[in-house]
Amino acid sequence: MADARRQAEQAAEQAPLPIWRLDAPGRVTWSNAAFRNLLEGDADKAALATPGRFQIMQNGKPRWFTLAIHGGTGLAYPIDDLIEAEASLRDMVQSMARTFAQLPTGLAIFDKSRHLQSFNPALADLTGLPPAFLSRRPSLLAMLDAMRDRSMVPEPKDWKSWRRQIADMERAAASSQFDETWALPGGQTYRVTGRRHIDGGLALMINDISTEIIRNRRFRADLDLCQAVIDRMEEGIAVFSITGQLVLSNAAYAALWGHDPGTRMVAVSVSTLLSQWKAGSAPTNLWTEAEDYFATLESRLPWQAEARLLDGRLITCRFAPLTDGAVLVGFQPVISAGLPRAISAPPDDADPSACGGVAGR
């Protein structure tokens, strides 16, 4: 028995991990070479009897161990890599927290039981909910109810439809399919997106898109006004982008050629319209020259020529370069001398090039 114990102690003596034996009061009565090299000099003797993490300084650097005590025998496992990984994770979480704190997007993270786990300052700003309320980790339902009390959600018709709306929202967000635009009673417009989160959680993101919506509405109103202006012009107008796609035409163009390309659901190319112009007029080299004009991006100069429609009317076709490689094509019926025009010619300041880049009618 004594020989077996001696052999065990010899094996423990050579073990790479610190091993020691304690008596009843907690004093070290035996230790191996690893213990003596690493722990004996600087070790807190009381700490050596307590399981848990333990730190020593070696060559001016901290060394971390986790201590296991069983039956009066202690064993120290080095955990420097774990400590370093935890520090890196902590730094990353802090960095993410600082990033989220600066985001204009309101962010709410719910656990699998749909209780709020974390949020950023923008969420409080956008929802109107006090940070103290959010810090109490309310449920998703409680948070949305509080937002409803503050008129920060679309007003439902009744209580049942509101509960059904929340259930649908949660179900859609859990499958990463929730993406809605909320028009709030106060006039703001929010985009609300729900996404799956880790461990069955839910991430809710709120963006204030009110400015974008207002800008789009104003842009649409400007386009409508521009279209109304050129529709009052006598000259038929067609404007093409640098890629040869029609971006603008007017009512006079549709009346002259018998079709309105602006009503088509797909983009109309200049080659398509050149074919229609050619088919709707008497044989002429004008359309071949026009095709070459569109194919040339450099040194474009304004020019015009005449063509005769199949009904006998003579029209003047003018081509003028615009900014960014766009081209304006104008069609004006030629009125014989002595016959007054039905509508006076458009003033110089009614040049449709001011509406460059406007979508078709």
Protein backbone atom coordinates (compact mmCIF):
# COMPACT_ATOMS: atom_id res chain seq x y z
CA MET A 1 0.00 0.00 0.00
CA ALA A 2 2.85 2.33 0.88
CA ASP A 3 4.51 1.54 -2.44
CA ALA A 4 1.33 2.38 -4.33
CA ARG A 5 1.05 5.66 -2.49
CA ARG A 6 4.66 6.50 -3.23
CA GLN A 7 4.14 5.75 -6.91
CA ALA A 8 1.04 7.91 -6.96
CA GLU A 9 2.89 10.79 -5.34
CA GLN A 10 5.79 10.42 -7.78
CA ALA A 11 3.36 10.57 -10.69
CA ALA A 12 1.63 13.59 -9.17
CA GLU A 13 5.03 15.21 -8.61
CA GLN A 14 5.67 15.17 -12.36
CA ALA A 15 2.14 16.28 -13.35
CA PRO A 16 2.01 19.55 -15.34
CA LEU A 17 -0.88 20.87 -13.23
CA PRO A 18 -0.39 22.22 -9.70
CA ILE A 19 -1.56 19.64 -7.12
CA TRP A 20 -1.47 19.94 -3.35
CA ARG A 21 -2.88 18.34 -0.19
CA LEU A 22 -4.49 20.19 2.68
CA ASP A 23 -4.92 19.27 6.35
CA ALA A 24 -8.05 20.01 8.36
CA PRO A 25 -7.14 23.64 9.16
CA GLY A 26 -6.44 24.24 5.45
CA ARG A 27 -2.65 24.23 5.54
CA VAL A 28 -0.71 22.78 2.60
CA THR A 29 0.95 19.55 3.73
CA TRP A 30 2.16 18.33 0.36
CA SER A 31 2.51 19.78 -3.13
CA ASN A 32 4.00 18.80 -6.49
CA ALA A 33 6.67 20.58 -8.51
CA ALA A 34 4.15 22.55 -10.62
CA PHE A 35 2.56 23.92 -7.45
CA ARG A 36 5.89 24.91 -5.97
CA ASN A 37 7.02 26.60 -9.19
CA LEU A 38 3.83 28.57 -9.76
CA LEU A 39 1.87 28.99 -6.57
CA GLU A 40 3.84 28.40 -3.43
CA GLY A 41 5.72 31.70 -3.19
CA ASP A 42 2.97 34.23 -4.02
CA ALA A 43 -0.12 32.17 -3.30
CA ASP A 44 -2.73 33.26 -0.79
CA LYS A 45 -2.78 30.18 1.45
CA ALA A 46 -6.37 30.77 2.50
CA ALA A 47 -7.45 30.99 -1.14
CA LEU A 48 -5.85 27.62 -1.87
CA ALA A 49 -8.54 25.99 0.26
CA THR A 50 -11.41 27.69 -1.59
CA PRO A 51 -12.75 26.38 -4.93
CA GLY A 52 -13.10 28.95 -7.68
CA ARG A 53 -10.98 31.26 -9.78
CA PHE A 54 -7.54 32.20 -8.56
CA GLN A 55 -5.01 34.72 -9.86
CA ILE A 56 -1.25 35.01 -9.38
CA MET A 57 1.38 37.27 -10.91
CA GLN A 58 4.20 35.60 -12.86
CA ASN A 59 6.94 37.67 -14.46
CA GLY A 60 4.77 40.74 -14.05
CA LYS A 61 1.79 39.20 -15.85
CA PRO A 62 -1.41 37.80 -14.32
CA ARG A 63 -2.01 34.05 -14.49
CA TRP A 64 -5.48 32.68 -13.94
CA PHE A 65 -6.48 29.26 -12.59
CA THR A 66 -9.67 27.63 -11.46
CA LEU A 67 -9.22 25.66 -8.22
CA ALA A 68 -10.92 22.35 -7.56
CA ILE A 69 -10.85 20.98 -3.97
CA HIS A 70 -11.95 17.43 -3.27
CA GLY A 71 -11.25 15.35 -0.16
CA GLY A 72 -8.45 17.62 0.97
CA THR A 73 -6.67 17.52 -2.41
CA GLY A 74 -6.43 20.62 -4.56
CA LEU A 75 -5.96 20.89 -8.33
CA ALA A 76 -5.42 24.08 -10.36
CA TYR A 77 -6.45 24.27 -14.02
CA PRO A 78 -5.00 27.17 -16.07
CA ILE A 79 -7.76 29.28 -17.64
CA ASP A 80 -5.78 32.15 -19.19
CA ASP A 81 -7.33 31.51 -22.64
CA LEU A 82 -10.83 31.54 -21.13
CA ILE A 83 -10.17 34.80 -19.30
CA GLU A 84 -8.83 36.36 -22.50
CA ALA A 85 -11.84 35.15 -24.48
CA GLU A 86 -14.21 36.55 -21.86
CA ALA A 87 -12.42 39.90 -21.96
CA SER A 88 -12.67 39.97 -25.76
CA LEU A 89 -16.35 39.11 -25.61
CA ARG A 90 -16.93 41.79 -22.99
CA ASP A 91 -15.15 44.37 -25.14
CA MET A 92 -17.20 43.34 -28.16
CA VAL A 93 -20.46 43.61 -26.24
CA GLN A 94 -19.48 47.04 -24.94
CA SER A 95 -18.50 48.13 -28.45
CA MET A 96 -21.83 46.90 -29.83
CA ALA A 97 -23.67 48.65 -27.01
CA ARG A 98 -21.93 51.92 -27.87
CA THR A 99 -22.78 51.41 -31.55
CA PHE A 100 -26.43 50.64 -30.82
CA ALA A 101 -26.61 53.68 -28.55
CA GLN A 102 -25.67 55.90 -31.49
CA LEU A 103 -28.05 54.33 -34.01
CA PRO A 104 -31.07 56.39 -35.10
CA THR A 105 -32.98 53.10 -35.43
CA GLY A 106 -34.94 52.05 -32.36
CA LEU A 107 -33.86 48.53 -31.38
CA ALA A 108 -35.69 46.20 -28.99
CA ILE A 109 -34.50 42.65 -28.25
CA PHE A 110 -37.04 40.25 -26.71
CA ASP A 111 -36.31 36.77 -25.31
CA LYS A 112 -38.28 33.67 -26.25
CA SER A 113 -40.95 34.54 -23.68
CA ARG A 114 -41.27 37.94 -25.42
CA HIS A 115 -39.93 40.05 -22.56
CA LEU A 116 -37.67 42.98 -23.38
CA GLN A 117 -34.02 42.14 -22.72
CA SER A 118 -32.20 45.12 -24.20
CA PHE A 119 -32.94 48.38 -25.99
CA ASN A 120 -31.12 51.48 -27.20
CA PRO A 121 -31.85 55.17 -26.51
CA ALA A 122 -33.46 55.62 -29.94
CA LEU A 123 -36.23 53.19 -28.96
CA ALA A 124 -37.24 55.42 -26.06
CA ASP A 125 -37.11 58.49 -28.30
CA LEU A 126 -39.21 56.96 -31.09
CA THR A 127 -41.80 55.21 -28.89
CA GLY A 128 -42.15 57.92 -26.26
CA LEU A 129 -41.73 55.26 -23.56
CA PRO A 130 -39.71 56.25 -20.46
CA PRO A 131 -36.38 54.40 -20.08
CA ALA A 132 -37.47 53.44 -16.56
CA PHE A 133 -40.45 51.58 -18.02
CA LEU A 134 -38.31 49.83 -20.62
CA SER A 135 -35.73 48.88 -17.97
CA ARG A 136 -38.41 46.88 -16.14
CA ARG A 137 -38.33 44.44 -19.08
CA PRO A 138 -41.99 44.65 -20.14
CA SER A 139 -43.51 42.06 -22.43
CA LEU A 140 -44.00 42.80 -26.12
CA LEU A 141 -47.72 43.13 -25.51
CA ALA A 142 -47.20 45.54 -22.59
CA MET A 143 -44.78 47.65 -24.61
CA LEU A 144 -47.14 47.91 -27.59
CA ASP A 145 -50.05 48.69 -25.26
CA ALA A 146 -48.01 51.50 -23.72
CA MET A 147 -47.18 52.78 -27.22
CA ARG A 148 -50.88 52.63 -28.11
CA ASP A 149 -51.74 54.72 -25.05
CA ARG A 150 -49.31 57.35 -26.39
CA SER A 151 -50.72 57.16 -29.96
CA MET A 152 -47.42 55.72 -31.21
CA VAL A 153 -49.02 52.83 -33.14
CA PRO A 154 -51.67 52.92 -35.89
CA GLU A 155 -55.06 53.26 -34.23
CA PRO A 156 -56.98 49.96 -34.54
CA LYS A 157 -60.71 49.81 -35.07
CA ASP A 158 -61.38 47.97 -31.82
CA TRP A 159 -59.67 46.04 -29.02
CA LYS A 160 -60.08 42.63 -30.68
CA SER A 161 -58.52 43.78 -33.93
CA TRP A 162 -55.64 45.29 -31.90
CA ARG A 163 -54.96 41.98 -30.14
CA ARG A 164 -55.20 40.15 -33.46
CA GLN A 165 -52.79 42.66 -35.00
CA ILE A 166 -50.23 42.02 -32.24
CA ALA A 167 -50.55 38.25 -32.60
CA ASP A 168 -50.09 38.51 -36.37
CA MET A 169 -47.12 40.80 -35.89
CA GLU A 170 -45.41 38.42 -33.45
CA ARG A 171 -46.04 35.40 -35.68
CA ALA A 172 -44.74 37.18 -38.79
CA ALA A 173 -41.67 38.53 -36.97
CA ALA A 174 -40.85 35.06 -35.63
CA SER A 175 -40.65 33.88 -39.24
CA SER A 176 -38.70 36.99 -40.36
CA GLN A 177 -41.61 38.21 -42.46
CA PHE A 178 -42.75 41.29 -40.53
CA ASP A 179 -42.10 44.57 -42.30
CA GLU A 180 -44.77 47.26 -42.08
CA THR A 181 -45.16 51.00 -42.53
CA TRP A 182 -47.07 52.60 -39.67
CA ALA A 183 -48.90 55.89 -40.28
CA LEU A 184 -49.26 57.29 -36.77
CA PRO A 185 -52.10 59.54 -35.59
CA GLY A 186 -49.59 62.32 -34.93
CA GLY A 187 -48.50 62.44 -38.57
CA GLN A 188 -45.23 60.52 -38.27
CA THR A 189 -44.52 57.51 -40.43
CA TYR A 190 -42.55 54.59 -38.99
CA ARG A 191 -41.14 51.54 -40.66
CA VAL A 192 -41.31 48.60 -38.24
CA THR A 193 -39.35 45.43 -38.94
CA GLY A 194 -39.31 42.20 -36.94
CA ARG A 195 -36.64 39.53 -37.20
CA ARG A 196 -35.84 36.25 -35.48
CA HIS A 197 -33.19 36.48 -32.78
CA ILE A 198 -31.02 33.87 -31.09
CA ASP A 199 -32.58 31.25 -28.77
CA GLY A 200 -36.09 31.92 -30.03
CA GLY A 201 -35.90 35.63 -29.34
CA LEU A 202 -37.28 38.50 -31.37
CA ALA A 203 -35.60 41.69 -32.60
CA LEU A 204 -37.83 44.67 -33.33
CA MET A 205 -36.48 47.67 -35.27
CA ILE A 206 -38.26 51.01 -35.65
CA ASN A 207 -37.21 53.68 -38.18
CA ASP A 208 -38.73 57.13 -38.53
CA ILE A 209 -39.22 57.57 -42.29
CA SER A 210 -41.45 60.65 -42.04
CA THR A 211 -38.92 62.90 -43.80
CA GLU A 212 -38.46 60.37 -46.59
CA ILE A 213 -42.22 60.05 -47.09
CA ILE A 214 -42.67 63.84 -47.18
CA ARG A 215 -39.77 64.16 -49.63
CA ASN A 216 -41.26 61.51 -51.91
CA ARG A 217 -44.66 63.16 -51.83
CA ARG A 218 -43.16 66.52 -52.73
CA PHE A 219 -41.14 64.94 -55.51
CA ARG A 220 -44.26 63.24 -56.85
CA ALA A 221 -46.12 66.58 -56.71
CA ASP A 222 -43.27 68.27 -58.59
CA LEU A 223 -43.40 65.55 -61.24
CA ASP A 224 -47.15 65.95 -61.60
CA LEU A 225 -46.76 69.72 -61.95
CA CYS A 226 -44.01 69.30 -64.55
CA GLN A 227 -46.19 66.86 -66.48
CA ALA A 228 -49.14 69.25 -66.37
CA VAL A 229 -46.94 72.05 -67.74
CA ILE A 230 -45.63 70.13 -70.75
CA ASP A 231 -49.07 68.67 -71.44
CA ARG A 232 -50.19 72.27 -72.14
CA MET A 233 -47.55 72.66 -74.85
CA GLU A 234 -48.46 72.46 -78.52
CA GLU A 235 -45.25 70.67 -79.48
CA GLY A 236 -45.15 66.91 -79.03
CA ILE A 237 -42.30 66.09 -76.66
CA ALA A 238 -40.36 62.86 -76.00
CA VAL A 239 -37.29 62.83 -73.72
CA PHE A 240 -34.85 59.93 -73.60
CA SER A 241 -32.18 59.09 -71.03
CA ILE A 242 -28.54 58.43 -71.92
CA THR A 243 -29.40 54.73 -72.18
CA GLY A 244 -32.11 55.41 -74.78
CA GLN A 245 -35.09 54.79 -72.48
CA LEU A 246 -38.10 57.09 -72.68
CA VAL A 247 -38.45 59.10 -69.46
CA LEU A 248 -41.00 61.75 -70.47
CA SER A 249 -43.66 62.45 -73.08
CA ASN A 250 -46.66 64.76 -73.28
CA ALA A 251 -50.26 64.84 -74.46
CA ALA A 252 -49.39 66.51 -77.78
CA TYR A 253 -47.02 63.64 -78.58
CA ALA A 254 -49.74 61.05 -77.84
CA ALA A 255 -52.25 62.93 -80.01
CA LEU A 256 -49.79 63.26 -82.92
CA TRP A 257 -48.61 59.65 -83.04
CA GLY A 258 -51.78 57.97 -81.80
CA HIS A 259 -50.24 56.25 -78.79
CA ASP A 260 -49.13 57.21 -75.27
CA PRO A 261 -45.93 55.36 -74.31
CA GLY A 262 -46.15 56.74 -70.79
CA THR A 263 -49.06 54.40 -70.03
CA ARG A 264 -46.99 51.26 -70.64
CA MET A 265 -45.89 49.23 -67.63
CA VAL A 266 -42.46 48.50 -69.12
CA ALA A 267 -39.71 50.85 -70.25
CA VAL A 268 -39.91 51.99 -73.87
CA SER A 269 -36.67 52.26 -75.85
CA VAL A 270 -35.83 54.79 -78.52
CA SER A 271 -35.38 51.98 -81.04
CA THR A 272 -39.01 50.89 -80.47
CA LEU A 273 -40.32 54.40 -81.00
CA LEU A 274 -38.08 55.00 -84.02
CA SER A 275 -39.70 51.97 -85.62
CA GLN A 276 -43.17 53.36 -84.86
CA TRP A 277 -42.24 56.80 -86.21
CA LYS A 278 -40.85 55.22 -89.36
CA ALA A 279 -43.99 53.11 -89.84
CA GLY A 280 -46.22 56.15 -89.33
CA SER A 281 -44.56 58.38 -91.93
CA ALA A 282 -43.60 58.46 -95.58
CA PRO A 283 -40.16 57.03 -96.53
CA THR A 284 -37.36 59.36 -95.42
CA ASN A 285 -33.74 59.23 -94.32
CA LEU A 286 -34.67 61.22 -91.21
CA TRP A 287 -35.15 58.19 -88.97
CA THR A 288 -31.84 56.61 -90.00
CA GLU A 289 -30.09 59.89 -89.19
CA ALA A 290 -31.96 60.02 -85.87
CA GLU A 291 -30.79 56.50 -85.05
CA ASP A 292 -27.19 57.55 -85.70
CA TYR A 293 -27.72 60.64 -83.55
CA PHE A 294 -28.81 58.54 -80.57
CA ALA A 295 -25.88 56.19 -81.09
CA THR A 296 -23.41 59.08 -80.81
CA LEU A 297 -22.78 60.29 -77.27
CA GLU A 298 -20.18 62.93 -78.05
CA SER A 299 -20.41 66.24 -79.92
CA ARG A 300 -24.20 66.22 -80.22
CA LEU A 301 -25.62 69.39 -81.71
CA PRO A 302 -29.26 70.43 -82.07
CA TRP A 303 -30.75 69.71 -85.50
CA GLN A 304 -34.12 69.36 -87.15
CA ALA A 305 -35.74 68.00 -90.30
CA GLU A 306 -39.20 67.48 -91.74
CA ALA A 307 -41.23 64.32 -92.21
CA ARG A 308 -44.66 63.67 -93.70
CA LEU A 309 -47.13 61.53 -91.83
CA LEU A 310 -49.23 58.94 -93.63
CA ASP A 311 -52.28 61.21 -93.35
CA GLY A 312 -50.41 63.86 -95.33
CA ARG A 313 -49.53 66.26 -92.52
CA LEU A 314 -46.02 67.72 -92.56
CA ILE A 315 -44.21 67.85 -89.24
CA THR A 316 -40.94 69.34 -88.07
CA CYS A 317 -38.83 66.97 -85.99
CA ARG A 318 -36.17 68.54 -83.81
CA PHE A 319 -33.47 66.83 -81.75
CA ALA A 320 -31.63 68.58 -78.92
CA PRO A 321 -29.08 67.32 -76.40
CA LEU A 322 -29.85 67.74 -72.70
CA THR A 323 -27.74 67.31 -69.57
CA ASP A 324 -26.32 63.91 -68.57
CA GLY A 325 -26.56 62.55 -72.11
CA ALA A 326 -30.34 62.84 -72.39
CA VAL A 327 -32.01 63.83 -75.67
CA LEU A 328 -35.18 65.80 -76.34
CA VAL A 329 -37.19 65.08 -79.51
CA GLY A 330 -39.89 67.57 -80.49
CA PHE A 331 -42.65 67.15 -83.11
CA GLN A 332 -44.43 70.22 -84.44
CA PRO A 333 -47.03 70.20 -87.24
CA VAL A 334 -46.15 72.61 -90.07
CA ILE A 335 -48.96 75.08 -90.74
CA SER A 336 -49.25 76.46 -94.24
CA ALA A 337 -48.63 80.19 -94.72
CA GLY A 338 -51.70 82.31 -94.18
CA LEU A 339 -53.41 79.82 -91.89
CA PRO A 340 -53.37 80.88 -88.26
CA ARG A 341 -52.27 78.47 -85.60
CA ALA A 342 -54.97 77.12 -83.31
CA ILE A 343 -52.69 77.59 -80.29
CA SER A 344 -49.85 80.06 -79.95
CA ALA A 345 -46.32 78.65 -79.85
CA PRO A 346 -45.01 77.91 -76.36
CA PRO A 347 -42.85 80.60 -74.77
CA ASP A 348 -39.11 80.11 -74.63
CA ASP A 349 -39.15 79.62 -70.87
CA ALA A 350 -41.45 76.57 -71.21
CA ASP A 351 -38.55 74.35 -72.28
CA PRO A 352 -39.35 70.82 -71.05
CA SER A 353 -35.65 70.19 -70.43
CA ALA A 354 -36.36 71.66 -66.97
CA CYS A 355 -38.12 68.36 -66.22
CA GLY A 356 -35.15 66.16 -67.18
CA GLY A 357 -35.24 62.78 -65.47
CA VAL A 358 -39.04 62.76 -64.95
CA ALA A 359 -40.74 59.40 -65.33
CA GLY A 360 -43.17 58.78 -68.17
CA ARG A 361 -46.82 59.86 -68.06
